[in-house]
Amino acid sequence: MQTPDWVQKSMFGCMPPRDVLLTVGNEILEATMSQRARWYEYLCYRPLLERYFKEDPNFRREAAPKPRLTDDNYKPDYWRKWEKKNKAEIEKAIHERDWVLTENEPWFDAADIGRAGKDIFVHHSSVTNEAGIDWLRRHFPNHRIHVMWSLEDNPIHIDATFVVLRPGLALSNRKRKVLTPHMLDFFKKNDWEVVECAEPALDGYPPLSFCSQWLSMNTLMLDPKTICVDAQEIKQMAQFDKLGFEVIPVPFIDVSAFGGGLHCATADVYREGTCEDYFPNQIDGF
């Protein structure tokens, strides 16, 4: 296998623990990660997980199978071919979920997973494949796994596309429309409101950052009534205020160059309460 020169010389960084670590119940799971430049990030958190394991006899630490990162895991010349696609071909690829990963091994980033009690929403994306979703379904047999996708040409991570804010309320990207059959009906059937996010402050990528302007909805919930938002996102904060949240502005956009927003830069490791059932009315096919 020949690794591109730029991959050999670069590492993504270790700012976003949310991308690597998934907390479900009393378990923290290390994600597989799907990009060669991000394979080693789990090592940064090992000392912390080891400490938790020694301090808490009820703590479970798990690691999903680390992928081999061979060329067989990626579709050949995917991005070169993508650049040559016309609009109709791109739309076809989006609706068919024709992303860069093959199904040779399970892949998923933890940031492609949203949790709401007994229900787990997994984003089928450029860094999470169907084999990875199947692995998660087997690993968490006591949870209901729902697959989602949206109108994105390079989908990466659920927390700038569809976000559960509090019981009964979710935030959806105003541009990246949900394409998953029955998904919005599922939320409606359980008396959840899904609102579109406000206009972001930027109309393109932040300076020196590969993250999109939709970091505007990459927020941190402290409790069902309190939310931290990037201080530059005036319209998004105003929307949250109208929805009844106490909004805490946090100057954070300069951090985006290191890998994400407020949600990316945090990871919950301790929570109170029990596992609730927020979606008692399930829908076949979702």
Protein backbone atom coordinates (compact mmCIF):
# COMPACT_ATOMS: atom_id res chain seq x y z
CA MET A 1 0.00 0.00 0.00
CA GLN A 2 1.30 3.44 -0.89
CA THR A 3 0.19 6.25 1.41
CA PRO A 4 0.01 9.75 -0.08
CA ASP A 5 2.93 11.95 0.94
CA TRP A 6 0.69 14.55 2.62
CA VAL A 7 -0.88 11.88 4.82
CA GLN A 8 2.50 10.61 5.95
CA LYS A 9 3.54 14.09 7.03
CA SER A 10 0.35 15.23 8.74
CA MET A 11 -1.86 14.48 11.69
CA PHE A 12 -5.30 15.93 12.16
CA GLY A 13 -4.90 16.91 15.81
CA CYS A 14 -6.57 15.97 19.07
CA MET A 15 -8.91 18.85 19.87
CA PRO A 16 -12.25 17.06 19.25
CA PRO A 17 -12.74 14.26 21.80
CA ARG A 18 -16.37 14.02 20.64
CA ASP A 19 -15.12 12.57 17.34
CA VAL A 20 -13.34 9.67 19.04
CA LEU A 21 -15.23 8.89 22.26
CA LEU A 22 -18.86 7.72 22.48
CA THR A 23 -20.54 7.58 25.89
CA VAL A 24 -23.52 5.22 26.15
CA GLY A 25 -24.71 4.39 29.66
CA ASN A 26 -21.72 3.40 31.80
CA GLU A 27 -19.55 2.73 28.76
CA ILE A 28 -17.13 4.90 26.79
CA LEU A 29 -16.42 3.44 23.36
CA GLU A 30 -13.44 4.36 21.20
CA ALA A 31 -14.58 4.84 17.61
CA THR A 32 -12.77 3.21 14.69
CA MET A 33 -12.08 6.56 12.97
CA SER A 34 -12.05 6.55 9.19
CA GLN A 35 -9.26 8.84 8.05
CA ARG A 36 -5.61 7.85 8.08
CA ALA A 37 -4.57 11.15 9.64
CA ARG A 38 -6.88 10.46 12.61
CA TRP A 39 -6.06 6.84 13.40
CA TYR A 40 -3.84 7.56 16.43
CA GLU A 41 -6.05 10.12 18.21
CA TYR A 42 -7.40 7.53 20.65
CA LEU A 43 -3.96 7.39 22.31
CA CYS A 44 -4.45 10.88 23.76
CA TYR A 45 -7.41 9.70 25.82
CA ARG A 46 -6.09 6.34 26.99
CA PRO A 47 -4.53 7.67 30.25
CA LEU A 48 -7.83 9.34 31.17
CA LEU A 49 -9.85 6.19 30.40
CA GLU A 50 -7.41 4.11 32.41
CA ARG A 51 -7.94 6.43 35.37
CA TYR A 52 -11.72 6.19 35.06
CA PHE A 53 -11.44 2.40 34.91
CA LYS A 54 -9.42 2.28 38.14
CA GLU A 55 -11.65 4.74 39.98
CA ASP A 56 -15.07 3.37 38.96
CA PRO A 57 -15.74 -0.39 39.18
CA ASN A 58 -18.93 0.07 37.11
CA PHE A 59 -17.16 1.80 34.24
CA ARG A 60 -16.85 -0.07 30.94
CA ARG A 61 -14.19 0.93 28.46
CA GLU A 62 -14.42 -0.55 25.00
CA ALA A 63 -12.66 -0.07 21.68
CA ALA A 64 -14.21 -0.82 18.30
CA PRO A 65 -12.02 -2.84 15.87
CA LYS A 66 -9.27 -0.61 14.54
CA PRO A 67 -9.35 -0.66 10.70
CA ARG A 68 -6.29 -1.60 8.66
CA LEU A 69 -6.50 1.54 6.51
CA THR A 70 -5.58 -0.31 3.32
CA ASP A 71 -6.42 1.04 -0.11
CA ASP A 72 -9.22 -1.55 -0.30
CA ASN A 73 -11.11 0.46 2.32
CA TYR A 74 -11.50 3.44 -0.01
CA LYS A 75 -13.08 3.63 -3.46
CA PRO A 76 -10.30 4.22 -6.03
CA ASP A 77 -9.89 7.80 -7.25
CA TYR A 78 -13.18 8.70 -5.57
CA TRP A 79 -12.58 12.44 -5.21
CA ARG A 80 -11.02 12.85 -8.66
CA LYS A 81 -14.12 11.22 -10.13
CA TRP A 82 -16.36 13.34 -7.89
CA GLU A 83 -14.87 16.57 -9.23
CA LYS A 84 -15.90 15.56 -12.74
CA LYS A 85 -19.54 14.81 -11.85
CA ASN A 86 -22.26 17.12 -13.11
CA LYS A 87 -25.15 18.29 -10.91
CA ALA A 88 -27.41 15.36 -11.81
CA GLU A 89 -24.65 12.84 -11.11
CA ILE A 90 -23.92 14.43 -7.73
CA GLU A 91 -27.59 14.34 -6.74
CA LYS A 92 -27.77 10.69 -7.80
CA ALA A 93 -24.71 9.86 -5.68
CA ILE A 94 -26.20 11.66 -2.67
CA HIS A 95 -29.52 9.81 -2.90
CA GLU A 96 -27.71 6.50 -3.37
CA ARG A 97 -25.30 7.32 -0.49
CA ASP A 98 -22.33 6.60 -2.72
CA TRP A 99 -19.61 7.74 -0.33
CA VAL A 100 -15.86 7.20 -0.33
CA LEU A 101 -15.68 4.20 2.06
CA THR A 102 -16.10 0.61 0.95
CA GLU A 103 -17.78 -1.98 3.18
CA ASN A 104 -14.67 -4.11 3.72
CA GLU A 105 -14.46 -3.19 7.41
CA PRO A 106 -16.67 -1.40 9.94
CA TRP A 107 -15.99 2.32 10.15
CA PHE A 108 -17.56 5.07 12.22
CA ASP A 109 -16.66 8.34 13.91
CA ALA A 110 -18.29 8.90 17.30
CA ALA A 111 -19.43 12.36 16.16
CA ASP A 112 -21.70 10.69 13.60
CA ILE A 113 -23.85 9.39 16.45
CA GLY A 114 -26.62 11.20 18.30
CA ARG A 115 -28.22 9.76 21.43
CA ALA A 116 -31.66 10.16 22.96
CA GLY A 117 -32.20 7.63 25.71
CA LYS A 118 -32.95 4.21 24.25
CA ASP A 119 -32.65 5.52 20.69
CA ILE A 120 -29.37 6.11 18.86
CA PHE A 121 -29.23 8.01 15.56
CA VAL A 122 -26.30 7.14 13.29
CA HIS A 123 -25.31 9.31 10.35
CA HIS A 124 -24.39 7.32 7.23
CA SER A 125 -21.62 9.52 5.89
CA SER A 126 -18.18 9.84 4.33
CA VAL A 127 -16.65 8.54 7.57
CA THR A 128 -19.31 6.06 8.73
CA ASN A 129 -20.30 3.11 6.56
CA GLU A 130 -23.08 0.52 6.74
CA ALA A 131 -20.71 -2.09 8.17
CA GLY A 132 -19.93 0.32 11.01
CA ILE A 133 -23.62 0.90 11.65
CA ASP A 134 -24.20 -2.87 11.74
CA TRP A 135 -21.34 -3.22 14.25
CA LEU A 136 -22.94 -0.58 16.48
CA ARG A 137 -26.31 -2.33 16.24
CA ARG A 138 -24.75 -5.56 17.49
CA HIS A 139 -22.67 -3.82 20.16
CA PHE A 140 -25.67 -1.99 21.64
CA PRO A 141 -28.45 -4.62 21.44
CA ASN A 142 -30.49 -2.89 24.14
CA HIS A 143 -30.74 0.33 22.11
CA ARG A 144 -32.66 1.09 18.95
CA ILE A 145 -30.33 2.12 16.12
CA HIS A 146 -31.74 4.49 13.48
CA VAL A 147 -29.81 5.32 10.30
CA MET A 148 -30.11 8.83 8.85
CA TRP A 149 -28.71 10.75 5.89
CA SER A 150 -29.33 14.13 4.34
CA LEU A 151 -28.80 16.32 1.29
CA GLU A 152 -25.02 16.73 1.63
CA ASP A 153 -22.33 16.11 -0.94
CA ASN A 154 -19.65 15.21 1.63
CA PRO A 155 -21.46 14.40 4.88
CA ILE A 156 -19.23 14.27 7.95
CA HIS A 157 -20.64 14.16 11.51
CA ILE A 158 -24.22 14.54 12.64
CA ASP A 159 -23.71 17.50 15.00
CA ALA A 160 -23.84 20.14 12.27
CA THR A 161 -26.76 18.48 10.47
CA PHE A 162 -29.30 17.17 12.98
CA VAL A 163 -29.11 17.78 16.72
CA VAL A 164 -31.32 16.64 19.60
CA LEU A 165 -31.59 19.69 21.86
CA ARG A 166 -33.84 18.47 24.67
CA PRO A 167 -36.68 15.97 25.09
CA GLY A 168 -39.28 16.94 22.51
CA LEU A 169 -37.15 19.31 20.44
CA ALA A 170 -34.55 18.78 17.68
CA LEU A 171 -32.65 21.17 15.41
CA SER A 172 -32.30 20.44 11.69
CA ASN A 173 -29.94 22.04 9.17
CA ARG A 174 -31.89 24.45 6.97
CA LYS A 175 -29.86 23.49 3.87
CA ARG A 176 -29.02 19.85 4.43
CA LYS A 177 -32.55 18.48 4.14
CA VAL A 178 -33.30 15.10 5.72
CA LEU A 179 -33.57 12.37 3.08
CA THR A 180 -34.19 9.40 5.38
CA PRO A 181 -37.62 7.86 4.73
CA HIS A 182 -40.00 8.14 7.70
CA MET A 183 -37.52 10.03 9.90
CA LEU A 184 -39.50 13.25 10.29
CA ASP A 185 -42.70 11.20 10.67
CA PHE A 186 -40.96 9.31 13.46
CA PHE A 187 -40.31 12.50 15.40
CA LYS A 188 -43.81 13.82 14.75
CA LYS A 189 -45.41 10.55 15.86
CA ASN A 190 -43.64 10.91 19.22
CA ASP A 191 -44.72 14.56 19.64
CA TRP A 192 -41.29 16.00 18.94
CA GLU A 193 -40.88 19.33 17.22
CA VAL A 194 -38.14 19.62 14.58
CA VAL A 195 -37.12 23.21 13.81
CA GLU A 196 -34.75 24.46 11.13
CA CYS A 197 -31.65 26.26 12.37
CA ALA A 198 -31.15 30.00 11.91
CA GLU A 199 -28.92 31.52 9.24
CA PRO A 200 -25.24 31.12 10.18
CA ALA A 201 -23.02 34.15 10.69
CA LEU A 202 -20.64 33.09 7.91
CA ASP A 203 -21.43 32.34 4.28
CA GLY A 204 -18.45 30.03 3.85
CA TYR A 205 -15.70 28.24 5.69
CA PRO A 206 -14.16 29.97 8.73
CA PRO A 207 -10.60 31.27 8.26
CA LEU A 208 -7.98 28.48 8.12
CA SER A 209 -10.68 25.90 8.85
CA PHE A 210 -12.06 22.94 6.92
CA CYS A 211 -15.26 23.09 9.03
CA SER A 212 -18.31 24.59 7.33
CA GLN A 213 -20.36 27.62 8.38
CA TRP A 214 -22.83 25.14 9.90
CA LEU A 215 -20.73 25.03 13.05
CA SER A 216 -23.40 27.59 13.95
CA MET A 217 -25.56 24.70 15.15
CA ASN A 218 -22.65 22.84 16.76
CA THR A 219 -23.64 23.73 20.31
CA LEU A 220 -23.21 22.38 23.83
CA MET A 221 -26.23 21.57 26.01
CA LEU A 222 -25.49 21.89 29.73
CA ASP A 223 -29.00 20.84 30.74
CA PRO A 224 -32.44 20.85 29.04
CA LYS A 225 -32.71 24.62 29.52
CA THR A 226 -29.13 25.87 29.09
CA ILE A 227 -27.16 25.97 25.85
CA CYS A 228 -23.70 27.27 24.91
CA VAL A 229 -23.44 28.87 21.46
CA ASP A 230 -20.56 30.43 19.52
CA ALA A 231 -20.72 34.15 20.35
CA GLN A 232 -20.69 35.23 16.70
CA GLU A 233 -23.92 33.32 15.94
CA ILE A 234 -26.32 36.16 16.78
CA LYS A 235 -29.29 34.77 14.81
CA GLN A 236 -28.87 31.27 16.22
CA MET A 237 -28.74 32.62 19.77
CA ALA A 238 -31.89 34.67 19.11
CA GLN A 239 -33.68 31.55 17.88
CA PHE A 240 -32.67 29.57 20.97
CA ASP A 241 -33.85 32.44 23.16
CA LYS A 242 -37.30 32.29 21.52
CA LEU A 243 -37.34 28.53 22.08
CA GLY A 244 -37.00 29.15 25.81
CA PHE A 245 -33.32 28.40 26.36
CA GLU A 246 -30.93 30.29 28.58
CA VAL A 247 -28.19 31.06 26.05
CA ILE A 248 -24.53 31.35 27.03
CA PRO A 249 -22.39 32.99 24.30
CA VAL A 250 -18.87 31.56 24.05
CA PRO A 251 -16.22 33.12 21.73
CA PHE A 252 -15.11 29.97 19.96
CA ILE A 253 -14.82 30.41 16.20
CA ASP A 254 -11.00 30.67 16.28
CA VAL A 255 -10.91 27.10 17.63
CA SER A 256 -12.57 25.75 14.48
CA ALA A 257 -9.25 25.58 12.67
CA PHE A 258 -8.25 22.85 15.15
CA GLY A 259 -11.18 20.62 14.31
CA GLY A 260 -14.67 21.83 15.16
CA GLY A 261 -17.07 23.70 17.39
CA LEU A 262 -18.29 23.60 20.98
CA HIS A 263 -19.87 20.17 20.68
CA CYS A 264 -16.78 18.71 19.00
CA ALA A 265 -14.46 20.06 21.69
CA THR A 266 -16.37 18.39 24.54
CA ALA A 267 -17.36 14.86 25.51
CA ASP A 268 -19.75 13.86 28.29
CA VAL A 269 -18.25 11.34 30.69
CA TYR A 270 -20.59 11.66 33.69
CA ARG A 271 -24.36 12.02 33.72
CA GLU A 272 -27.16 11.69 36.24
CA GLY A 273 -30.51 9.97 35.77
CA THR A 274 -31.66 6.82 34.02
CA CYS A 275 -32.03 5.76 30.40
CA GLU A 276 -35.38 7.18 29.27
CA ASP A 277 -37.59 6.11 26.39
CA TYR A 278 -38.24 9.31 24.44
CA PHE A 279 -39.65 7.50 21.40
CA PRO A 280 -42.18 4.90 22.56
CA ASN A 281 -43.89 4.98 19.15
CA GLN A 282 -41.56 3.28 16.71
CA ILE A 283 -42.02 3.19 12.92
CA ASP A 284 -41.21 0.15 10.79
CA GLY A 285 -38.47 0.95 8.31
CA PHE A 286 -36.73 3.55 10.47
